[in-house]
Every structure is written in structure tokens, then in C-alpha cells.
PDB file of N, CA and C in Angstrom:
ATOM      1  N   UNK A   1      -7.363 -10.312  11.906  1.00  0.00           N
ATOM      2  CA  UNK A   1      -7.146 -10.016  10.512  1.00  0.00           C
ATOM      3  C   UNK A   1      -7.725  -8.637  10.170  1.00  0.00           C
ATOM      4  N   UNK A   2      -7.024  -7.956   9.312  1.00  0.00           N
ATOM      5  CA  UNK A   2      -7.461  -6.637   8.887  1.00  0.00           C
ATOM      6  C   UNK A   2      -7.493  -6.630   7.362  1.00  0.00           C
ATOM      7  N   UNK A   3      -8.642  -6.258   6.782  1.00  0.00           N
ATOM      8  CA  UNK A   3      -8.704  -6.128   5.345  1.00  0.00           C
ATOM      9  C   UNK A   3      -7.880  -4.911   4.951  1.00  0.00           C
ATOM     10  N   UNK A   4      -6.928  -5.098   4.044  1.00  0.00           N
ATOM     11  CA  UNK A   4      -5.973  -4.054   3.707  1.00  0.00           C
ATOM     12  C   UNK A   4      -5.905  -3.879   2.206  1.00  0.00           C
ATOM     13  N   UNK A   5      -5.838  -2.612   1.805  1.00  0.00           N
ATOM     14  CA  UNK A   5      -5.653  -2.250   0.380  1.00  0.00           C
ATOM     15  C   UNK A   5      -4.357  -1.437   0.294  1.00  0.00           C
ATOM     16  N   UNK A   6      -3.498  -1.803  -0.619  1.00  0.00           N
ATOM     17  CA  UNK A   6      -2.255  -1.077  -0.854  1.00  0.00           C
ATOM     18  C   UNK A   6      -2.291  -0.531  -2.286  1.00  0.00           C
ATOM     19  N   UNK A   7      -2.018   0.756  -2.404  1.00  0.00           N
ATOM     20  CA  UNK A   7      -1.962   1.437  -3.696  1.00  0.00           C
ATOM     21  C   UNK A   7      -0.628   2.156  -3.764  1.00  0.00           C
ATOM     22  N   UNK A   8       0.079   2.003  -4.853  1.00  0.00           N
ATOM     23  CA  UNK A   8       1.398   2.629  -4.903  1.00  0.00           C
ATOM     24  C   UNK A   8       1.671   3.324  -6.256  1.00  0.00           C
ATOM     25  N   UNK A   9       2.542   4.311  -6.165  1.00  0.00           N
ATOM     26  CA  UNK A   9       3.019   5.068  -7.337  1.00  0.00           C
ATOM     27  C   UNK A   9       4.509   5.325  -7.060  1.00  0.00           C
ATOM     28  N   UNK A  10       5.335   4.483  -7.641  1.00  0.00           N
ATOM     29  CA  UNK A  10       6.781   4.570  -7.398  1.00  0.00           C
ATOM     30  C   UNK A  10       7.520   4.688  -8.709  1.00  0.00           C
ATOM     31  N   UNK A  11       8.786   5.067  -8.632  1.00  0.00           N
ATOM     32  CA  UNK A  11       9.592   5.224  -9.842  1.00  0.00           C
ATOM     33  C   UNK A  11       9.667   3.876 -10.586  1.00  0.00           C
ATOM     34  N   UNK A  12       9.913   3.949 -11.863  1.00  0.00           N
ATOM     35  CA  UNK A  12       9.911   2.775 -12.721  1.00  0.00           C
ATOM     36  C   UNK A  12      10.919   1.722 -12.257  1.00  0.00           C
ATOM     37  N   UNK A  13      12.059   2.161 -11.766  1.00  0.00           N
ATOM     38  CA  UNK A  13      13.069   1.190 -11.351  1.00  0.00           C
ATOM     39  C   UNK A  13      12.703   0.501 -10.037  1.00  0.00           C
ATOM     40  N   UNK A  14      11.769   1.042  -9.254  1.00  0.00           N
ATOM     41  CA  UNK A  14      11.326   0.421  -8.014  1.00  0.00           C
ATOM     42  C   UNK A  14      10.031  -0.385  -8.192  1.00  0.00           C
ATOM     43  N   UNK A  15       9.335  -0.136  -9.300  1.00  0.00           N
ATOM     44  CA  UNK A  15       8.024  -0.748  -9.529  1.00  0.00           C
ATOM     45  C   UNK A  15       8.104  -2.287  -9.468  1.00  0.00           C
ATOM     46  N   UNK A  16       9.048  -2.894 -10.154  1.00  0.00           N
ATOM     47  CA  UNK A  16       9.171  -4.347 -10.197  1.00  0.00           C
ATOM     48  C   UNK A  16       9.412  -4.921  -8.795  1.00  0.00           C
ATOM     49  N   UNK A  17      10.239  -4.242  -7.997  1.00  0.00           N
ATOM     50  CA  UNK A  17      10.524  -4.699  -6.628  1.00  0.00           C
ATOM     51  C   UNK A  17       9.262  -4.744  -5.789  1.00  0.00           C
ATOM     52  N   UNK A  18       8.518  -3.643  -5.807  1.00  0.00           N
ATOM     53  CA  UNK A  18       7.294  -3.545  -4.998  1.00  0.00           C
ATOM     54  C   UNK A  18       6.260  -4.554  -5.503  1.00  0.00           C
ATOM     55  N   UNK A  19       6.071  -4.635  -6.813  1.00  0.00           N
ATOM     56  CA  UNK A  19       5.119  -5.550  -7.423  1.00  0.00           C
ATOM     57  C   UNK A  19       5.414  -6.994  -7.029  1.00  0.00           C
ATOM     58  N   UNK A  20       6.658  -7.408  -7.175  1.00  0.00           N
ATOM     59  CA  UNK A  20       7.041  -8.787  -6.849  1.00  0.00           C
ATOM     60  C   UNK A  20       6.828  -9.106  -5.379  1.00  0.00           C
ATOM     61  N   UNK A  21       7.195  -8.180  -4.509  1.00  0.00           N
ATOM     62  CA  UNK A  21       7.027  -8.395  -3.067  1.00  0.00           C
ATOM     63  C   UNK A  21       5.533  -8.496  -2.700  1.00  0.00           C
ATOM     64  N   UNK A  22       4.737  -7.540  -3.189  1.00  0.00           N
ATOM     65  CA  UNK A  22       3.327  -7.544  -2.813  1.00  0.00           C
ATOM     66  C   UNK A  22       2.582  -8.760  -3.383  1.00  0.00           C
ATOM     67  N   UNK A  23       2.979  -9.231  -4.552  1.00  0.00           N
ATOM     68  CA  UNK A  23       2.324 -10.415  -5.129  1.00  0.00           C
ATOM     69  C   UNK A  23       2.528 -11.649  -4.256  1.00  0.00           C
ATOM     70  N   UNK A  24       3.580 -11.685  -3.480  1.00  0.00           N
ATOM     71  CA  UNK A  24       3.845 -12.804  -2.572  1.00  0.00           C
ATOM     72  C   UNK A  24       2.952 -12.758  -1.322  1.00  0.00           C
ATOM     73  N   UNK A  25       2.433 -11.571  -0.993  1.00  0.00           N
ATOM     74  CA  UNK A  25       1.705 -11.379   0.249  1.00  0.00           C
ATOM     75  C   UNK A  25       0.260 -10.969   0.108  1.00  0.00           C
ATOM     76  N   UNK A  26      -0.120 -10.501  -1.095  1.00  0.00           N
ATOM     77  CA  UNK A  26      -1.463  -9.955  -1.277  1.00  0.00           C
ATOM     78  C   UNK A  26      -2.020 -10.374  -2.636  1.00  0.00           C
ATOM     79  N   UNK A  27      -3.286 -10.052  -2.843  1.00  0.00           N
ATOM     80  CA  UNK A  27      -3.949 -10.315  -4.130  1.00  0.00           C
ATOM     81  C   UNK A  27      -3.813  -9.111  -5.032  1.00  0.00           C
ATOM     82  N   UNK A  28      -3.308  -9.319  -6.230  1.00  0.00           N
ATOM     83  CA  UNK A  28      -3.155  -8.232  -7.199  1.00  0.00           C
ATOM     84  C   UNK A  28      -4.506  -7.932  -7.810  1.00  0.00           C
ATOM     85  N   UNK A  29      -4.944  -6.684  -7.703  1.00  0.00           N
ATOM     86  CA  UNK A  29      -6.264  -6.274  -8.198  1.00  0.00           C
ATOM     87  C   UNK A  29      -6.181  -5.607  -9.565  1.00  0.00           C
ATOM     88  N   UNK A  30      -5.284  -4.665  -9.699  1.00  0.00           N
ATOM     89  CA  UNK A  30      -5.030  -3.992 -10.973  1.00  0.00           C
ATOM     90  C   UNK A  30      -3.686  -3.298 -10.836  1.00  0.00           C
ATOM     91  N   UNK A  31      -3.269  -2.580 -11.871  1.00  0.00           N
ATOM     92  CA  UNK A  31      -1.968  -1.919 -11.820  1.00  0.00           C
ATOM     93  C   UNK A  31      -1.795  -1.164 -10.499  1.00  0.00           C
ATOM     94  N   UNK A  32      -0.780  -1.546  -9.762  1.00  0.00           N
ATOM     95  CA  UNK A  32      -0.404  -0.849  -8.537  1.00  0.00           C
ATOM     96  C   UNK A  32      -1.438  -0.896  -7.420  1.00  0.00           C
ATOM     97  N   UNK A  33      -2.335  -1.887  -7.444  1.00  0.00           N
ATOM     98  CA  UNK A  33      -3.361  -2.028  -6.403  1.00  0.00           C
ATOM     99  C   UNK A  33      -3.427  -3.491  -5.936  1.00  0.00           C
ATOM    100  N   UNK A  34      -3.303  -3.676  -4.611  1.00  0.00           N
ATOM    101  CA  UNK A  34      -3.366  -4.996  -4.007  1.00  0.00           C
ATOM    102  C   UNK A  34      -4.319  -4.967  -2.822  1.00  0.00           C
ATOM    103  N   UNK A  35      -4.892  -6.148  -2.487  1.00  0.00           N
ATOM    104  CA  UNK A  35      -5.733  -6.251  -1.321  1.00  0.00           C
ATOM    105  C   UNK A  35      -5.560  -7.622  -0.672  1.00  0.00           C
ATOM    106  N   UNK A  36      -5.821  -7.705   0.632  1.00  0.00           N
ATOM    107  CA  UNK A  36      -5.741  -8.977   1.357  1.00  0.00           C
ATOM    108  C   UNK A  36      -6.200  -8.806   2.785  1.00  0.00           C
ATOM    109  N   UNK A  37      -6.609  -9.901   3.391  1.00  0.00           N
ATOM    110  CA  UNK A  37      -6.800  -9.952   4.843  1.00  0.00           C
ATOM    111  C   UNK A  37      -5.434 -10.282   5.428  1.00  0.00           C
ATOM    112  N   UNK A  38      -4.914  -9.401   6.251  1.00  0.00           N
ATOM    113  CA  UNK A  38      -3.561  -9.555   6.784  1.00  0.00           C
ATOM    114  C   UNK A  38      -3.568  -9.583   8.308  1.00  0.00           C
ATOM    115  N   UNK A  39      -2.642 -10.337   8.866  1.00  0.00           N
ATOM    116  CA  UNK A  39      -2.421 -10.283  10.311  1.00  0.00           C
ATOM    117  C   UNK A  39      -1.621  -9.017  10.609  1.00  0.00           C
ATOM    118  N   UNK A  40      -1.526  -8.650  11.881  1.00  0.00           N
ATOM    119  CA  UNK A  40      -0.717  -7.479  12.247  1.00  0.00           C
ATOM    120  C   UNK A  40       0.739  -7.677  11.848  1.00  0.00           C
ATOM    121  N   UNK A  41       1.238  -8.885  12.005  1.00  0.00           N
ATOM    122  CA  UNK A  41       2.633  -9.197  11.664  1.00  0.00           C
ATOM    123  C   UNK A  41       2.862  -9.065  10.151  1.00  0.00           C
ATOM    124  N   UNK A  42       1.918  -9.569   9.336  1.00  0.00           N
ATOM    125  CA  UNK A  42       2.049  -9.454   7.876  1.00  0.00           C
ATOM    126  C   UNK A  42       2.020  -7.993   7.438  1.00  0.00           C
ATOM    127  N   UNK A  43       1.118  -7.223   8.027  1.00  0.00           N
ATOM    128  CA  UNK A  43       1.008  -5.800   7.683  1.00  0.00           C
ATOM    129  C   UNK A  43       2.284  -5.061   8.078  1.00  0.00           C
ATOM    130  N   UNK A  44       2.806  -5.357   9.237  1.00  0.00           N
ATOM    131  CA  UNK A  44       4.049  -4.732   9.694  1.00  0.00           C
ATOM    132  C   UNK A  44       5.195  -5.047   8.737  1.00  0.00           C
ATOM    133  N   UNK A  45       5.278  -6.295   8.292  1.00  0.00           N
ATOM    134  CA  UNK A  45       6.331  -6.720   7.360  1.00  0.00           C
ATOM    135  C   UNK A  45       6.229  -5.927   6.049  1.00  0.00           C
ATOM    136  N   UNK A  46       5.024  -5.766   5.539  1.00  0.00           N
ATOM    137  CA  UNK A  46       4.819  -5.004   4.307  1.00  0.00           C
ATOM    138  C   UNK A  46       5.228  -3.553   4.495  1.00  0.00           C
ATOM    139  N   UNK A  47       4.797  -2.935   5.592  1.00  0.00           N
ATOM    140  CA  UNK A  47       5.156  -1.537   5.851  1.00  0.00           C
ATOM    141  C   UNK A  47       6.664  -1.344   5.976  1.00  0.00           C
ATOM    142  N   UNK A  48       7.325  -2.272   6.670  1.00  0.00           N
ATOM    143  CA  UNK A  48       8.779  -2.172   6.829  1.00  0.00           C
ATOM    144  C   UNK A  48       9.492  -2.307   5.494  1.00  0.00           C
ATOM    145  N   UNK A  49       9.068  -3.276   4.675  1.00  0.00           N
ATOM    146  CA  UNK A  49       9.711  -3.478   3.371  1.00  0.00           C
ATOM    147  C   UNK A  49       9.522  -2.235   2.489  1.00  0.00           C
ATOM    148  N   UNK A  50       8.298  -1.758   2.391  1.00  0.00           N
ATOM    149  CA  UNK A  50       8.007  -0.598   1.554  1.00  0.00           C
ATOM    150  C   UNK A  50       8.819   0.615   2.018  1.00  0.00           C
ATOM    151  N   UNK A  51       8.896   0.829   3.312  1.00  0.00           N
ATOM    152  CA  UNK A  51       9.632   1.965   3.840  1.00  0.00           C
ATOM    153  C   UNK A  51      11.101   1.910   3.461  1.00  0.00           C
ATOM    154  N   UNK A  52      11.667   0.706   3.385  1.00  0.00           N
ATOM    155  CA  UNK A  52      13.073   0.535   3.027  1.00  0.00           C
ATOM    156  C   UNK A  52      13.321   0.728   1.543  1.00  0.00           C
ATOM    157  N   UNK A  53      12.348   0.401   0.700  1.00  0.00           N
ATOM    158  CA  UNK A  53      12.538   0.395  -0.755  1.00  0.00           C
ATOM    159  C   UNK A  53      12.255   1.749  -1.407  1.00  0.00           C
ATOM    160  N   UNK A  54      11.246   2.464  -0.924  1.00  0.00           N
ATOM    161  CA  UNK A  54      10.843   3.676  -1.649  1.00  0.00           C
ATOM    162  C   UNK A  54      11.877   4.781  -1.472  1.00  0.00           C
ATOM    163  N   UNK A  55      11.818   5.742  -2.398  1.00  0.00           N
ATOM    164  CA  UNK A  55      12.701   6.883  -2.357  1.00  0.00           C
ATOM    165  C   UNK A  55      11.936   8.185  -2.524  1.00  0.00           C
ATOM    166  N   UNK A  56      12.646   9.256  -2.772  1.00  0.00           N
ATOM    167  CA  UNK A  56      12.037  10.567  -2.968  1.00  0.00           C
ATOM    168  C   UNK A  56      11.061  10.519  -4.128  1.00  0.00           C
ATOM    169  N   UNK A  57       9.902  11.107  -3.940  1.00  0.00           N
ATOM    170  CA  UNK A  57       8.892  11.152  -4.988  1.00  0.00           C
ATOM    171  C   UNK A  57       8.011   9.935  -5.053  1.00  0.00           C
ATOM    172  N   UNK A  58       8.367   8.822  -4.359  1.00  0.00           N
ATOM    173  CA  UNK A  58       7.540   7.603  -4.369  1.00  0.00           C
ATOM    174  C   UNK A  58       6.409   7.754  -3.360  1.00  0.00           C
ATOM    175  N   UNK A  59       5.324   7.032  -3.595  1.00  0.00           N
ATOM    176  CA  UNK A  59       4.169   7.109  -2.707  1.00  0.00           C
ATOM    177  C   UNK A  59       3.518   5.727  -2.606  1.00  0.00           C
ATOM    178  N   UNK A  60       3.247   5.304  -1.366  1.00  0.00           N
ATOM    179  CA  UNK A  60       2.499   4.073  -1.094  1.00  0.00           C
ATOM    180  C   UNK A  60       1.429   4.423  -0.081  1.00  0.00           C
ATOM    181  N   UNK A  61       0.187   4.100  -0.403  1.00  0.00           N
ATOM    182  CA  UNK A  61      -0.926   4.376   0.497  1.00  0.00           C
ATOM    183  C   UNK A  61      -1.496   3.032   0.926  1.00  0.00           C
ATOM    184  N   UNK A  62      -1.627   2.855   2.248  1.00  0.00           N
ATOM    185  CA  UNK A  62      -2.134   1.599   2.821  1.00  0.00           C
ATOM    186  C   UNK A  62      -3.429   1.911   3.571  1.00  0.00           C
ATOM    187  N   UNK A  63      -4.516   1.291   3.116  1.00  0.00           N
ATOM    188  CA  UNK A  63      -5.810   1.436   3.766  1.00  0.00           C
ATOM    189  C   UNK A  63      -6.064   0.201   4.618  1.00  0.00           C
ATOM    190  N   UNK A  64      -6.327   0.408   5.918  1.00  0.00           N
ATOM    191  CA  UNK A  64      -6.638  -0.685   6.838  1.00  0.00           C
ATOM    192  C   UNK A  64      -8.113  -0.560   7.252  1.00  0.00           C
ATOM    193  N   UNK A  65      -8.890  -1.586   6.977  1.00  0.00           N
ATOM    194  CA  UNK A  65     -10.301  -1.549   7.286  1.00  0.00           C
ATOM    195  C   UNK A  65     -10.666  -2.675   8.229  1.00  0.00           C
ATOM    196  N   UNK A  66     -10.728  -2.360   9.529  1.00  0.00           N
ATOM    197  CA  UNK A  66     -11.106  -3.355  10.520  1.00  0.00           C
ATOM    198  C   UNK A  66     -12.561  -3.763  10.377  1.00  0.00           C
ATOM    199  N   UNK A  67     -13.398  -2.820  10.019  1.00  0.00           N
ATOM    200  CA  UNK A  67     -14.804  -3.055   9.715  1.00  0.00           C
ATOM    201  C   UNK A  67     -15.306  -1.926   8.819  1.00  0.00           C
ATOM    202  N   UNK A  68     -16.553  -1.938   8.477  1.00  0.00           N
ATOM    203  CA  UNK A  68     -17.073  -0.953   7.550  1.00  0.00           C
ATOM    204  C   UNK A  68     -17.079   0.480   8.085  1.00  0.00           C
ATOM    205  N   UNK A  69     -17.055   0.635   9.401  1.00  0.00           N
ATOM    206  CA  UNK A  69     -17.126   1.956  10.015  1.00  0.00           C
ATOM    207  C   UNK A  69     -15.780   2.587  10.264  1.00  0.00           C
ATOM    208  N   UNK A  70     -14.700   1.807  10.132  1.00  0.00           N
ATOM    209  CA  UNK A  70     -13.383   2.304  10.492  1.00  0.00           C
ATOM    210  C   UNK A  70     -12.394   2.101   9.367  1.00  0.00           C
ATOM    211  N   UNK A  71     -11.764   3.166   8.944  1.00  0.00           N
ATOM    212  CA  UNK A  71     -10.712   3.093   7.931  1.00  0.00           C
ATOM    213  C   UNK A  71      -9.523   3.878   8.457  1.00  0.00           C
ATOM    214  N   UNK A  72      -8.351   3.269   8.467  1.00  0.00           N
ATOM    215  CA  UNK A  72      -7.120   3.937   8.862  1.00  0.00           C
ATOM    216  C   UNK A  72      -6.241   4.050   7.630  1.00  0.00           C
ATOM    217  N   UNK A  73      -5.801   5.230   7.290  1.00  0.00           N
ATOM    218  CA  UNK A  73      -4.995   5.465   6.093  1.00  0.00           C
ATOM    219  C   UNK A  73      -3.584   5.849   6.501  1.00  0.00           C
ATOM    220  N   UNK A  74      -2.604   5.053   6.073  1.00  0.00           N
ATOM    221  CA  UNK A  74      -1.193   5.369   6.283  1.00  0.00           C
ATOM    222  C   UNK A  74      -0.592   5.728   4.942  1.00  0.00           C
ATOM    223  N   UNK A  75       0.040   6.875   4.850  1.00  0.00           N
ATOM    224  CA  UNK A  75       0.744   7.249   3.626  1.00  0.00           C
ATOM    225  C   UNK A  75       2.227   7.157   3.943  1.00  0.00           C
ATOM    226  N   UNK A  76       2.925   6.312   3.178  1.00  0.00           N
ATOM    227  CA  UNK A  76       4.365   6.163   3.353  1.00  0.00           C
ATOM    228  C   UNK A  76       5.021   6.843   2.179  1.00  0.00           C
ATOM    229  N   UNK A  77       5.771   7.891   2.447  1.00  0.00           N
ATOM    230  CA  UNK A  77       6.371   8.672   1.367  1.00  0.00           C
ATOM    231  C   UNK A  77       5.515   9.901   1.071  1.00  0.00           C
ATOM    232  N   UNK A  78       5.524  10.313  -0.163  1.00  0.00           N
ATOM    233  CA  UNK A  78       4.864  11.554  -0.589  1.00  0.00           C
ATOM    234  C   UNK A  78       3.432  11.303  -1.009  1.00  0.00           C
ATOM    235  N   UNK A  79       2.476  12.005  -0.399  1.00  0.00           N
ATOM    236  CA  UNK A  79       1.078  11.870  -0.800  1.00  0.00           C
ATOM    237  C   UNK A  79       0.862  12.641  -2.086  1.00  0.00           C
ATOM    238  N   UNK A  80       0.279  11.965  -3.081  1.00  0.00           N
ATOM    239  CA  UNK A  80       0.129  12.537  -4.407  1.00  0.00           C
ATOM    240  C   UNK A  80      -1.112  13.395  -4.570  1.00  0.00           C
ATOM    241  N   UNK A  81      -2.117  13.167  -3.769  1.00  0.00           N
ATOM    242  CA  UNK A  81      -3.346  13.930  -3.910  1.00  0.00           C
ATOM    243  C   UNK A  81      -4.135  13.940  -2.629  1.00  0.00           C
ATOM    244  N   UNK A  82      -5.338  14.462  -2.682  1.00  0.00           N
ATOM    245  CA  UNK A  82      -6.187  14.533  -1.488  1.00  0.00           C
ATOM    246  C   UNK A  82      -7.504  13.800  -1.788  1.00  0.00           C
ATOM    247  N   UNK A  83      -8.019  13.080  -0.807  1.00  0.00           N
ATOM    248  CA  UNK A  83      -9.276  12.372  -0.994  1.00  0.00           C
ATOM    249  C   UNK A  83     -10.437  13.354  -1.121  1.00  0.00           C
ATOM    250  N   UNK A  84     -10.225  14.615  -0.828  1.00  0.00           N
ATOM    251  CA  UNK A  84     -11.274  15.604  -0.941  1.00  0.00           C
ATOM    252  C   UNK A  84     -11.425  16.138  -2.344  1.00  0.00           C
ATOM    253  N   UNK A  85     -10.512  15.766  -3.228  1.00  0.00           N
ATOM    254  CA  UNK A  85     -10.607  16.214  -4.618  1.00  0.00           C
ATOM    255  C   UNK A  85     -11.456  15.240  -5.413  1.00  0.00           C
ATOM    256  N   UNK A  86     -12.643  15.661  -5.808  1.00  0.00           N
ATOM    257  CA  UNK A  86     -13.554  14.835  -6.574  1.00  0.00           C
ATOM    258  C   UNK A  86     -13.812  15.527  -7.887  1.00  0.00           C
ATOM    259  N   UNK A  87     -13.645  14.790  -8.964  1.00  0.00           N
ATOM    260  CA  UNK A  87     -13.863  15.376 -10.296  1.00  0.00           C
ATOM    261  C   UNK A  87     -15.295  15.213 -10.721  1.00  0.00           C
TER     262      UNK A  87
END
């Protein structure tokens, strides 16, 4: 199992699709943020679905945390910002 956080920013017409799908597989945390312990197969299913649904200008960021020392970040679509930007 991998603790996973999904954050998305998609067009309004795609928002309901992504929201509905992720609610079936993950815990809804707040607007456009989900988390769950996922198997590799569950994570692959989510990545495949998101890749098929998103379009130009959409962004989905998936954080995979195997443990506290390791974080893998996959950006599917357009990255909206940089983690190095701190206000």
C-alpha cells in the first residue's frame, strides 16, 4: 500500500467527472484534494482514468508516499506552479 494524495485543477466541465471517480476510490479531503492508501493496481487505475479524461490546461498532481523519507510526485498534464515558490 502507498499513501497517496491527489490534487487537481481541471476545467469546470471535467470537474464533476474527476470528483465522482475519485470519491469512489479515495477519501475526499477538501475541494479538489483526495487521499488514500492505495495498492499499485488502484493507483494505476486512477492514473489511467485521469490521463484519459483531462485536456489542455488541466492539471492533476499525484503524491505517492511510501514512507516519511520518500515522496514521488507525478504531474499529469500541465504543472500550475513550483513547490519552490513560498509566499
